[in-house]
Amino acid sequence: SRYYVIKQDRDTHEDVRKALSKLIDEPNVGIVVILEDYVKYVEDLVTRVRQGKGTTPVIIEVPSKFGTIYQDVRQRYKAYAKKFIGFDVEI
């Protein structure tokens, strides 16, 4: 397992981009968990990975300790699961 710690006292935007780019390029990485707050720095990379057919890694956004940025978290993850696996999942 590999992880990166993003420190707030540095260039957060660049640190997140570098870390995600490295993870995307590693063939043995299958799942990337990223804070919702950081996705805004790498939306283009996340979109590219998610639009790829049969590609890994799967990128999962999780809320920070301050809460989620989405109004209806349940609906958000339900739609994400349906898109990813092709059928409804009750959450």
PDB file of N, CA and C in Angstrom:
ATOM      1  N   SER A   1       0.842  -1.183   0.000  1.00  0.00           N
ATOM      2  CA  SER A   1       0.000   0.000   0.000  1.00  0.00           C
ATOM      3  C   SER A   1       0.884   1.241   0.000  1.00  0.00           C
ATOM      4  N   ARG A   2       0.403   2.259  -0.637  1.00  0.00           N
ATOM      5  CA  ARG A   2       1.150   3.513  -0.745  1.00  0.00           C
ATOM      6  C   ARG A   2       0.208   4.651  -0.369  1.00  0.00           C
ATOM      7  N   TYR A   3       0.742   5.654   0.281  1.00  0.00           N
ATOM      8  CA  TYR A   3      -0.070   6.820   0.592  1.00  0.00           C
ATOM      9  C   TYR A   3       0.801   8.066   0.553  1.00  0.00           C
ATOM     10  N   TYR A   4       0.138   9.187   0.367  1.00  0.00           N
ATOM     11  CA  TYR A   4       0.803  10.481   0.354  1.00  0.00           C
ATOM     12  C   TYR A   4       0.113  11.377   1.360  1.00  0.00           C
ATOM     13  N   VAL A   5       0.885  12.136   2.103  1.00  0.00           N
ATOM     14  CA  VAL A   5       0.349  13.099   3.057  1.00  0.00           C
ATOM     15  C   VAL A   5       0.499  14.475   2.433  1.00  0.00           C
ATOM     16  N   ILE A   6      -0.607  15.196   2.336  1.00  0.00           N
ATOM     17  CA  ILE A   6      -0.600  16.542   1.778  1.00  0.00           C
ATOM     18  C   ILE A   6      -0.617  17.516   2.946  1.00  0.00           C
ATOM     19  N   LYS A   7       0.408  18.320   3.044  1.00  0.00           N
ATOM     20  CA  LYS A   7       0.507  19.284   4.146  1.00  0.00           C
ATOM     21  C   LYS A   7      -0.051  20.624   3.697  1.00  0.00           C
ATOM     22  N   GLN A   8      -0.845  21.219   4.546  1.00  0.00           N
ATOM     23  CA  GLN A   8      -1.521  22.480   4.215  1.00  0.00           C
ATOM     24  C   GLN A   8      -0.566  23.671   4.129  1.00  0.00           C
ATOM     25  N   ASP A   9       0.613  23.560   4.683  1.00  0.00           N
ATOM     26  CA  ASP A   9       1.531  24.699   4.688  1.00  0.00           C
ATOM     27  C   ASP A   9       2.369  24.791   3.414  1.00  0.00           C
ATOM     28  N   ARG A  10       2.098  23.925   2.462  1.00  0.00           N
ATOM     29  CA  ARG A  10       2.842  23.921   1.201  1.00  0.00           C
ATOM     30  C   ARG A  10       1.908  24.253   0.049  1.00  0.00           C
ATOM     31  N   ASP A  11       2.335  23.981  -1.157  1.00  0.00           N
ATOM     32  CA  ASP A  11       1.516  24.196  -2.345  1.00  0.00           C
ATOM     33  C   ASP A  11       0.574  23.001  -2.511  1.00  0.00           C
ATOM     34  N   THR A  12      -0.579  23.077  -1.891  1.00  0.00           N
ATOM     35  CA  THR A  12      -1.525  21.965  -1.872  1.00  0.00           C
ATOM     36  C   THR A  12      -1.900  21.534  -3.285  1.00  0.00           C
ATOM     37  N   HIS A  13      -2.200  22.478  -4.142  1.00  0.00           N
ATOM     38  CA  HIS A  13      -2.602  22.178  -5.517  1.00  0.00           C
ATOM     39  C   HIS A  13      -1.551  21.312  -6.208  1.00  0.00           C
ATOM     40  N   GLU A  14      -0.324  21.726  -6.166  1.00  0.00           N
ATOM     41  CA  GLU A  14       0.753  20.989  -6.848  1.00  0.00           C
ATOM     42  C   GLU A  14       1.024  19.639  -6.182  1.00  0.00           C
ATOM     43  N   ASP A  15       0.988  19.590  -4.851  1.00  0.00           N
ATOM     44  CA  ASP A  15       1.226  18.338  -4.129  1.00  0.00           C
ATOM     45  C   ASP A  15       0.175  17.282  -4.463  1.00  0.00           C
ATOM     46  N   VAL A  16      -1.091  17.691  -4.534  1.00  0.00           N
ATOM     47  CA  VAL A  16      -2.178  16.753  -4.860  1.00  0.00           C
ATOM     48  C   VAL A  16      -2.011  16.246  -6.289  1.00  0.00           C
ATOM     49  N   ARG A  17      -1.704  17.138  -7.209  1.00  0.00           N
ATOM     50  CA  ARG A  17      -1.517  16.736  -8.610  1.00  0.00           C
ATOM     51  C   ARG A  17      -0.360  15.749  -8.763  1.00  0.00           C
ATOM     52  N   LYS A  18       0.747  16.029  -8.102  1.00  0.00           N
ATOM     53  CA  LYS A  18       1.907  15.137  -8.191  1.00  0.00           C
ATOM     54  C   LYS A  18       1.581  13.759  -7.616  1.00  0.00           C
ATOM     55  N   ALA A  19       0.949  13.746  -6.450  1.00  0.00           N
ATOM     56  CA  ALA A  19       0.631  12.472  -5.798  1.00  0.00           C
ATOM     57  C   ALA A  19      -0.328  11.643  -6.648  1.00  0.00           C
ATOM     58  N   LEU A  20      -1.406  12.265  -7.146  1.00  0.00           N
ATOM     59  CA  LEU A  20      -2.372  11.511  -7.945  1.00  0.00           C
ATOM     60  C   LEU A  20      -1.750  11.046  -9.256  1.00  0.00           C
ATOM     61  N   SER A  21      -0.948  11.871  -9.871  1.00  0.00           N
ATOM     62  CA  SER A  21      -0.282  11.473 -11.118  1.00  0.00           C
ATOM     63  C   SER A  21       0.587  10.246 -10.909  1.00  0.00           C
ATOM     64  N   LYS A  22       1.323  10.220  -9.819  1.00  0.00           N
ATOM     65  CA  LYS A  22       2.171   9.059  -9.510  1.00  0.00           C
ATOM     66  C   LYS A  22       1.327   7.807  -9.300  1.00  0.00           C
ATOM     67  N   LEU A  23       0.224   7.949  -8.567  1.00  0.00           N
ATOM     68  CA  LEU A  23      -0.631   6.797  -8.285  1.00  0.00           C
ATOM     69  C   LEU A  23      -1.292   6.266  -9.557  1.00  0.00           C
ATOM     70  N   ILE A  24      -1.725   7.161 -10.437  1.00  0.00           N
ATOM     71  CA  ILE A  24      -2.363   6.750 -11.686  1.00  0.00           C
ATOM     72  C   ILE A  24      -1.380   5.961 -12.551  1.00  0.00           C
ATOM     73  N   ASP A  25      -0.127   6.371 -12.530  1.00  0.00           N
ATOM     74  CA  ASP A  25       0.880   5.733 -13.377  1.00  0.00           C
ATOM     75  C   ASP A  25       1.397   4.404 -12.836  1.00  0.00           C
ATOM     76  N   GLU A  26       1.105   4.084 -11.584  1.00  0.00           N
ATOM     77  CA  GLU A  26       1.579   2.820 -11.010  1.00  0.00           C
ATOM     78  C   GLU A  26       0.627   1.690 -11.403  1.00  0.00           C
ATOM     79  N   PRO A  27       1.124   0.684 -12.086  1.00  0.00           N
ATOM     80  CA  PRO A  27       0.246  -0.394 -12.560  1.00  0.00           C
ATOM     81  C   PRO A  27      -0.351  -1.261 -11.457  1.00  0.00           C
ATOM     82  N   ASN A  28       0.247  -1.282 -10.288  1.00  0.00           N
ATOM     83  CA  ASN A  28      -0.258  -2.134  -9.208  1.00  0.00           C
ATOM     84  C   ASN A  28      -1.205  -1.394  -8.258  1.00  0.00           C
ATOM     85  N   VAL A  29      -1.586  -0.158  -8.565  1.00  0.00           N
ATOM     86  CA  VAL A  29      -2.538   0.591  -7.741  1.00  0.00           C
ATOM     87  C   VAL A  29      -3.923   0.413  -8.340  1.00  0.00           C
ATOM     88  N   GLY A  30      -4.861  -0.101  -7.537  1.00  0.00           N
ATOM     89  CA  GLY A  30      -6.213  -0.357  -8.022  1.00  0.00           C
ATOM     90  C   GLY A  30      -7.257   0.594  -7.488  1.00  0.00           C
ATOM     91  N   ILE A  31      -7.001   1.161  -6.305  1.00  0.00           N
ATOM     92  CA  ILE A  31      -7.967   2.062  -5.674  1.00  0.00           C
ATOM     93  C   ILE A  31      -7.213   3.265  -5.126  1.00  0.00           C
ATOM     94  N   VAL A  32      -7.748   4.451  -5.404  1.00  0.00           N
ATOM     95  CA  VAL A  32      -7.202   5.690  -4.845  1.00  0.00           C
ATOM     96  C   VAL A  32      -8.325   6.347  -4.067  1.00  0.00           C
ATOM     97  N   VAL A  33      -8.055   6.669  -2.812  1.00  0.00           N
ATOM     98  CA  VAL A  33      -9.013   7.378  -1.969  1.00  0.00           C
ATOM     99  C   VAL A  33      -8.493   8.803  -1.813  1.00  0.00           C
ATOM    100  N   ILE A  34      -9.336   9.768  -2.155  1.00  0.00           N
ATOM    101  CA  ILE A  34      -8.937  11.172  -2.117  1.00  0.00           C
ATOM    102  C   ILE A  34     -10.023  11.993  -1.430  1.00  0.00           C
ATOM    103  N   LEU A  35      -9.620  12.984  -0.670  1.00  0.00           N
ATOM    104  CA  LEU A  35     -10.588  13.861  -0.016  1.00  0.00           C
ATOM    105  C   LEU A  35     -11.362  14.657  -1.058  1.00  0.00           C
ATOM    106  N   GLU A  36     -12.659  14.815  -0.835  1.00  0.00           N
ATOM    107  CA  GLU A  36     -13.493  15.604  -1.742  1.00  0.00           C
ATOM    108  C   GLU A  36     -12.916  17.003  -1.941  1.00  0.00           C
ATOM    109  N   ASP A  37     -12.378  17.570  -0.887  1.00  0.00           N
ATOM    110  CA  ASP A  37     -11.827  18.927  -0.958  1.00  0.00           C
ATOM    111  C   ASP A  37     -10.655  19.030  -1.935  1.00  0.00           C
ATOM    112  N   TYR A  38      -9.961  17.935  -2.178  1.00  0.00           N
ATOM    113  CA  TYR A  38      -8.783  17.958  -3.050  1.00  0.00           C
ATOM    114  C   TYR A  38      -9.108  17.669  -4.518  1.00  0.00           C
ATOM    115  N   VAL A  39     -10.292  17.143  -4.785  1.00  0.00           N
ATOM    116  CA  VAL A  39     -10.650  16.784  -6.157  1.00  0.00           C
ATOM    117  C   VAL A  39     -10.643  18.013  -7.064  1.00  0.00           C
ATOM    118  N   LYS A  40     -10.960  19.169  -6.526  1.00  0.00           N
ATOM    119  CA  LYS A  40     -10.974  20.384  -7.350  1.00  0.00           C
ATOM    120  C   LYS A  40      -9.604  20.677  -7.973  1.00  0.00           C
ATOM    121  N   TYR A  41      -8.544  20.189  -7.367  1.00  0.00           N
ATOM    122  CA  TYR A  41      -7.192  20.408  -7.888  1.00  0.00           C
ATOM    123  C   TYR A  41      -6.841  19.447  -9.025  1.00  0.00           C
ATOM    124  N   VAL A  42      -7.594  18.356  -9.142  1.00  0.00           N
ATOM    125  CA  VAL A  42      -7.235  17.307 -10.102  1.00  0.00           C
ATOM    126  C   VAL A  42      -8.437  16.806 -10.904  1.00  0.00           C
ATOM    127  N   GLU A  43      -9.425  17.652 -11.097  1.00  0.00           N
ATOM    128  CA  GLU A  43     -10.642  17.225 -11.794  1.00  0.00           C
ATOM    129  C   GLU A  43     -10.340  16.641 -13.169  1.00  0.00           C
ATOM    130  N   ASP A  44      -9.390  17.216 -13.882  1.00  0.00           N
ATOM    131  CA  ASP A  44      -9.058  16.710 -15.216  1.00  0.00           C
ATOM    132  C   ASP A  44      -8.478  15.304 -15.153  1.00  0.00           C
ATOM    133  N   LEU A  45      -7.634  15.037 -14.164  1.00  0.00           N
ATOM    134  CA  LEU A  45      -7.055  13.697 -14.014  1.00  0.00           C
ATOM    135  C   LEU A  45      -8.115  12.680 -13.609  1.00  0.00           C
ATOM    136  N   VAL A  46      -8.982  13.068 -12.678  1.00  0.00           N
ATOM    137  CA  VAL A  46     -10.045  12.171 -12.215  1.00  0.00           C
ATOM    138  C   VAL A  46     -10.989  11.849 -13.375  1.00  0.00           C
ATOM    139  N   THR A  47     -11.358  12.849 -14.146  1.00  0.00           N
ATOM    140  CA  THR A  47     -12.241  12.633 -15.295  1.00  0.00           C
ATOM    141  C   THR A  47     -11.599  11.701 -16.309  1.00  0.00           C
ATOM    142  N   ARG A  48     -10.337  11.913 -16.591  1.00  0.00           N
ATOM    143  CA  ARG A  48      -9.626  11.061 -17.559  1.00  0.00           C
ATOM    144  C   ARG A  48      -9.626   9.597 -17.115  1.00  0.00           C
ATOM    145  N   VAL A  49      -9.354   9.367 -15.840  1.00  0.00           N
ATOM    146  CA  VAL A  49      -9.330   7.995 -15.327  1.00  0.00           C
ATOM    147  C   VAL A  49     -10.729   7.388 -15.349  1.00  0.00           C
ATOM    148  N   ARG A  50     -11.721   8.147 -14.922  1.00  0.00           N
ATOM    149  CA  ARG A  50     -13.086   7.616 -14.853  1.00  0.00           C
ATOM    150  C   ARG A  50     -13.681   7.353 -16.228  1.00  0.00           C
ATOM    151  N   GLN A  51     -13.262   8.081 -17.239  1.00  0.00           N
ATOM    152  CA  GLN A  51     -13.797   7.876 -18.577  1.00  0.00           C
ATOM    153  C   GLN A  51     -13.084   6.752 -19.320  1.00  0.00           C
ATOM    154  N   GLY A  52     -11.949   6.318 -18.822  1.00  0.00           N
ATOM    155  CA  GLY A  52     -11.223   5.221 -19.450  1.00  0.00           C
ATOM    156  C   GLY A  52     -11.982   3.919 -19.288  1.00  0.00           C
ATOM    157  N   LYS A  53     -12.060   3.158 -20.329  1.00  0.00           N
ATOM    158  CA  LYS A  53     -12.773   1.875 -20.288  1.00  0.00           C
ATOM    159  C   LYS A  53     -11.879   0.798 -19.693  1.00  0.00           C
ATOM    160  N   GLY A  54     -12.335   0.202 -18.620  1.00  0.00           N
ATOM    161  CA  GLY A  54     -11.610  -0.904 -18.010  1.00  0.00           C
ATOM    162  C   GLY A  54     -10.279  -0.518 -17.400  1.00  0.00           C
ATOM    163  N   THR A  55     -10.150   0.740 -17.034  1.00  0.00           N
ATOM    164  CA  THR A  55      -8.875   1.177 -16.479  1.00  0.00           C
ATOM    165  C   THR A  55      -8.925   1.231 -14.962  1.00  0.00           C
ATOM    166  N   THR A  56      -7.774   1.103 -14.395  1.00  0.00           N
ATOM    167  CA  THR A  56      -7.616   1.338 -12.969  1.00  0.00           C
ATOM    168  C   THR A  56      -6.634   2.484 -12.844  1.00  0.00           C
ATOM    169  N   PRO A  57      -6.638   3.157 -11.777  1.00  0.00           N
ATOM    170  CA  PRO A  57      -7.332   2.850 -10.529  1.00  0.00           C
ATOM    171  C   PRO A  57      -8.755   3.412 -10.478  1.00  0.00           C
ATOM    172  N   VAL A  58      -9.515   2.879  -9.549  1.00  0.00           N
ATOM    173  CA  VAL A  58     -10.810   3.441  -9.212  1.00  0.00           C
ATOM    174  C   VAL A  58     -10.520   4.569  -8.227  1.00  0.00           C
ATOM    175  N   ILE A  59     -11.095   5.730  -8.473  1.00  0.00           N
ATOM    176  CA  ILE A  59     -10.861   6.882  -7.593  1.00  0.00           C
ATOM    177  C   ILE A  59     -12.121   7.119  -6.787  1.00  0.00           C
ATOM    178  N   ILE A  60     -11.965   7.096  -5.471  1.00  0.00           N
ATOM    179  CA  ILE A  60     -13.084   7.259  -4.552  1.00  0.00           C
ATOM    180  C   ILE A  60     -12.879   8.543  -3.759  1.00  0.00           C
ATOM    181  N   GLU A  61     -13.884   9.409  -3.792  1.00  0.00           N
ATOM    182  CA  GLU A  61     -13.836  10.650  -3.033  1.00  0.00           C
ATOM    183  C   GLU A  61     -14.472  10.415  -1.663  1.00  0.00           C
ATOM    184  N   VAL A  62     -13.820  10.891  -0.619  1.00  0.00           N
ATOM    185  CA  VAL A  62     -14.365  10.764   0.731  1.00  0.00           C
ATOM    186  C   VAL A  62     -14.408  12.143   1.385  1.00  0.00           C
ATOM    187  N   PRO A  63     -15.370  12.351   2.279  1.00  0.00           N
ATOM    188  CA  PRO A  63     -15.457  13.644   2.972  1.00  0.00           C
ATOM    189  C   PRO A  63     -14.274  13.863   3.906  1.00  0.00           C
ATOM    190  N   SER A  64     -13.979  15.121   4.152  1.00  0.00           N
ATOM    191  CA  SER A  64     -12.947  15.459   5.134  1.00  0.00           C
ATOM    192  C   SER A  64     -13.570  15.424   6.525  1.00  0.00           C
ATOM    193  N   LYS A  65     -12.776  15.715   7.513  1.00  0.00           N
ATOM    194  CA  LYS A  65     -13.290  15.727   8.891  1.00  0.00           C
ATOM    195  C   LYS A  65     -14.295  16.860   9.106  1.00  0.00           C
ATOM    196  N   PHE A  66     -14.370  17.789   8.157  1.00  0.00           N
ATOM    197  CA  PHE A  66     -15.298  18.902   8.264  1.00  0.00           C
ATOM    198  C   PHE A  66     -16.643  18.616   7.605  1.00  0.00           C
ATOM    199  N   GLY A  67     -16.770  17.454   6.979  1.00  0.00           N
ATOM    200  CA  GLY A  67     -18.031  17.076   6.341  1.00  0.00           C
ATOM    201  C   GLY A  67     -17.914  17.045   4.835  1.00  0.00           C
ATOM    202  N   THR A  68     -19.012  16.698   4.205  1.00  0.00           N
ATOM    203  CA  THR A  68     -19.036  16.537   2.757  1.00  0.00           C
ATOM    204  C   THR A  68     -19.389  17.831   2.040  1.00  0.00           C
ATOM    205  N   ILE A  69     -19.022  17.910   0.785  1.00  0.00           N
ATOM    206  CA  ILE A  69     -19.364  19.079  -0.022  1.00  0.00           C
ATOM    207  C   ILE A  69     -20.659  18.848  -0.791  1.00  0.00           C
ATOM    208  N   TYR A  70     -21.200  17.637  -0.730  1.00  0.00           N
ATOM    209  CA  TYR A  70     -22.404  17.297  -1.482  1.00  0.00           C
ATOM    210  C   TYR A  70     -23.646  17.405  -0.595  1.00  0.00           C
ATOM    211  N   GLN A  71     -24.728  17.910  -1.186  1.00  0.00           N
ATOM    212  CA  GLN A  71     -25.983  18.069  -0.457  1.00  0.00           C
ATOM    213  C   GLN A  71     -26.558  16.721  -0.025  1.00  0.00           C
ATOM    214  N   ASP A  72     -26.640  15.792  -0.957  1.00  0.00           N
ATOM    215  CA  ASP A  72     -27.244  14.488  -0.698  1.00  0.00           C
ATOM    216  C   ASP A  72     -26.192  13.397  -0.929  1.00  0.00           C
ATOM    217  N   VAL A  73     -25.456  13.080   0.109  1.00  0.00           N
ATOM    218  CA  VAL A  73     -24.358  12.122   0.021  1.00  0.00           C
ATOM    219  C   VAL A  73     -24.867  10.751  -0.405  1.00  0.00           C
ATOM    220  N   ARG A  74     -25.965  10.350   0.142  1.00  0.00           N
ATOM    221  CA  ARG A  74     -26.517   9.041  -0.181  1.00  0.00           C
ATOM    222  C   ARG A  74     -26.789   8.913  -1.684  1.00  0.00           C
ATOM    223  N   GLN A  75     -27.434   9.915  -2.255  1.00  0.00           N
ATOM    224  CA  GLN A  75     -27.738   9.901  -3.684  1.00  0.00           C
ATOM    225  C   GLN A  75     -26.461   9.973  -4.513  1.00  0.00           C
ATOM    226  N   ARG A  76     -25.492  10.737  -4.066  1.00  0.00           N
ATOM    227  CA  ARG A  76     -24.215  10.878  -4.786  1.00  0.00           C
ATOM    228  C   ARG A  76     -23.517   9.526  -4.915  1.00  0.00           C
ATOM    229  N   TYR A  77     -23.385   8.819  -3.798  1.00  0.00           N
ATOM    230  CA  TYR A  77     -22.681   7.540  -3.836  1.00  0.00           C
ATOM    231  C   TYR A  77     -23.511   6.444  -4.506  1.00  0.00           C
ATOM    232  N   LYS A  78     -24.805   6.538  -4.420  1.00  0.00           N
ATOM    233  CA  LYS A  78     -25.664   5.579  -5.106  1.00  0.00           C
ATOM    234  C   LYS A  78     -25.496   5.730  -6.623  1.00  0.00           C
ATOM    235  N   ALA A  79     -25.493   6.964  -7.116  1.00  0.00           N
ATOM    236  CA  ALA A  79     -25.305   7.212  -8.545  1.00  0.00           C
ATOM    237  C   ALA A  79     -23.906   6.790  -8.984  1.00  0.00           C
ATOM    238  N   TYR A  80     -22.930   7.043  -8.154  1.00  0.00           N
ATOM    239  CA  TYR A  80     -21.548   6.662  -8.474  1.00  0.00           C
ATOM    240  C   TYR A  80     -21.413   5.141  -8.568  1.00  0.00           C
ATOM    241  N   ALA A  81     -22.019   4.440  -7.609  1.00  0.00           N
ATOM    242  CA  ALA A  81     -21.963   2.973  -7.620  1.00  0.00           C
ATOM    243  C   ALA A  81     -22.656   2.421  -8.859  1.00  0.00           C
ATOM    244  N   LYS A  82     -23.804   2.999  -9.222  1.00  0.00           N
ATOM    245  CA  LYS A  82     -24.524   2.521 -10.408  1.00  0.00           C
ATOM    246  C   LYS A  82     -23.691   2.730 -11.669  1.00  0.00           C
ATOM    247  N   LYS A  83     -23.075   3.878 -11.777  1.00  0.00           N
ATOM    248  CA  LYS A  83     -22.251   4.153 -12.957  1.00  0.00           C
ATOM    249  C   LYS A  83     -21.057   3.207 -13.007  1.00  0.00           C
ATOM    250  N   PHE A  84     -20.469   2.943 -11.849  1.00  0.00           N
ATOM    251  CA  PHE A  84     -19.259   2.128 -11.799  1.00  0.00           C
ATOM    252  C   PHE A  84     -19.537   0.644 -12.036  1.00  0.00           C
ATOM    253  N   ILE A  85     -20.576   0.104 -11.367  1.00  0.00           N
ATOM    254  CA  ILE A  85     -20.822  -1.332 -11.474  1.00  0.00           C
ATOM    255  C   ILE A  85     -22.001  -1.694 -12.371  1.00  0.00           C
ATOM    256  N   GLY A  86     -22.809  -0.690 -12.751  1.00  0.00           N
ATOM    257  CA  GLY A  86     -23.860  -0.936 -13.732  1.00  0.00           C
ATOM    258  C   GLY A  86     -25.232  -1.262 -13.185  1.00  0.00           C
ATOM    259  N   PHE A  87     -25.401  -1.260 -11.867  1.00  0.00           N
ATOM    260  CA  PHE A  87     -26.732  -1.494 -11.313  1.00  0.00           C
ATOM    261  C   PHE A  87     -26.860  -0.772  -9.980  1.00  0.00           C
ATOM    262  N   ASP A  88     -28.123  -0.619  -9.536  1.00  0.00           N
ATOM    263  CA  ASP A  88     -28.401   0.099  -8.291  1.00  0.00           C
ATOM    264  C   ASP A  88     -27.900  -0.648  -7.076  1.00  0.00           C
ATOM    265  N   VAL A  89     -27.420   0.122  -6.112  1.00  0.00           N
ATOM    266  CA  VAL A  89     -26.998  -0.415  -4.824  1.00  0.00           C
ATOM    267  C   VAL A  89     -27.708   0.417  -3.759  1.00  0.00           C
ATOM    268  N   GLU A  90     -28.378  -0.245  -2.846  1.00  0.00           N
ATOM    269  CA  GLU A  90     -29.044   0.476  -1.758  1.00  0.00           C
ATOM    270  C   GLU A  90     -28.034   0.811  -0.679  1.00  0.00           C
ATOM    271  N   ILE A  91     -27.995   2.086  -0.327  1.00  0.00           N
ATOM    272  CA  ILE A  91     -27.056   2.550   0.700  1.00  0.00           C
ATOM    273  C   ILE A  91     -27.832   2.979   1.913  1.00  0.00           C
TER     274      ILE A  91
END
